Amino acid sequence: MTVTTAVPNLAEAVEATVASHLHPVPSFDLADHPVPNGREEVWRFTPLRRLRGLLDGAASDAHLDWHSNLPAGVTRTEVTTAEAVALGVPAPVDRPSALAVANAGGAMVFEIAPGSRLAEPLVIELAGHGVEQTTYGQVVFRIGAHADATIVLRHTGSARYDSSVSVLVGDGAQLNFVGLQDWDDDSVHLGHVGLRIGRDARVRTVTASLGGNLVRLVETAEYDGPGGELEQFGLYFVNAGQHIEHRLFVDHNEPHTRSRVDYRGALQGEGAHSVWVGDVLIRKVAEGINTYETNKNLVLTDGCRADSVPNLEIETGEIEGAGHSSTTGRFDDEQLFYLRSRGIPEDEARRLVVHGFFADIIRRIGVPDVESRLLAAVEKELEIIVGPSTATEALGVAK
């Protein structure tokens, strides 16, 4: 008797349903995303008691105000939830994003025509007007093959917000995607940004979280063909009592793909808490990939807490390179000494160190107005602990 073992089929089944405590299996079914109790790995850092009902799924007719420009080559349409799912958007990865899809009442879809080169950024501003009701939102961006575009998605005002943002990037396209969390101090925002990167596409994302009482963003990326490249940059400035959490998952599910992740944060004030969790999965089929992720945190005062957890999950040895790093510390005494020895006062020296810490991220945005706004925001945060600058012009920040 001959026994045949179907190893290839088993391998394909395992490959298709990789499950991990770090990245639950995505699903549009809300039943697959139960209300967390805080003991789950993906929720253990989040203060659930401060979420103000964002996980209970109560229906709401509240909406954020929309403001957007539409450069030539861009169209905007509203579609039903079913139509949005049919576009092939990434499935929700947690309960907030599943609730956003289920309760938003449809999605706003922005499409950039294939081959288009936008002469100006596509800017979308979403503004909230209170935290009395939970607001849900679903946004889809479709970037056509070989298009070249910059998109800025900015959140302002006051809101209690569950969101789902999908970014579908066509083959050979180039995208610069900027997400700004510039909320008022009482806002709570739980969101998912799902990227799908086409063959030979080049994607850069910059995420900045500077406002809100609690912001928790999950960013996931997967490839829709070999040759795709992804750069993810982020910055956050956390003040007293504020909780800022970024969770990233890069799924190298195609061969010869690339990814780079660099997130940097500064913390000041009693109870300031940042969380950064980065996970890269290199699947068995993803040979010839190259990836690196890093997170750096600068603690400016006592009473802060920065949790930083980089992860690599590697299922093949046929890779070009993979690594990660994480650092958390106070001001570099040597840097401060160098600046002070050249006649720069201590407060200005500290200010220069912080601006230098963030400058490498901010300069990658490629939108001068946004870069200036972020430099000014960082300067405003620094005034809390070191006072107004006596050399504002030298720092490149308008008074």
Foldseek 3Di string as FASTA:
>chain_A
DDDDDPVVVVQVVCLVQPADLQFHDFDLDLVVADDDPCPRPNRVVPPVVLLLCLQVLDADPDFWDKDKDAFPQKDKDWDALVVVVVVVFTGDGHRLASSLSVRQRTAIEMEGEAQAEGPDAIEMETEDEEAPDEHHHEYEYEYHHLYEHEYEYEYEEAYSYRYEYGYEHEANYEYEYEYEDHYAAAHEYEYEYEYEAEHLYEYEYEYEYEHYQEYAYEYEYEYPEANYEYEYEYEYEWEANHEYEYEYEYELSYANYEYEAEYEYEYYHARTEYEYEYEYEQGARHAAYEYEYEYEYEYEYPRYYYHYHYYYHYDHPRYPYYYYYYYYYYDDPVQQVVVVVVPDDSLVSVVVVVLVRCVVSLVVNPHVVVSQVVLQSSQVSSCVPSNHDPPCVVSVHDD
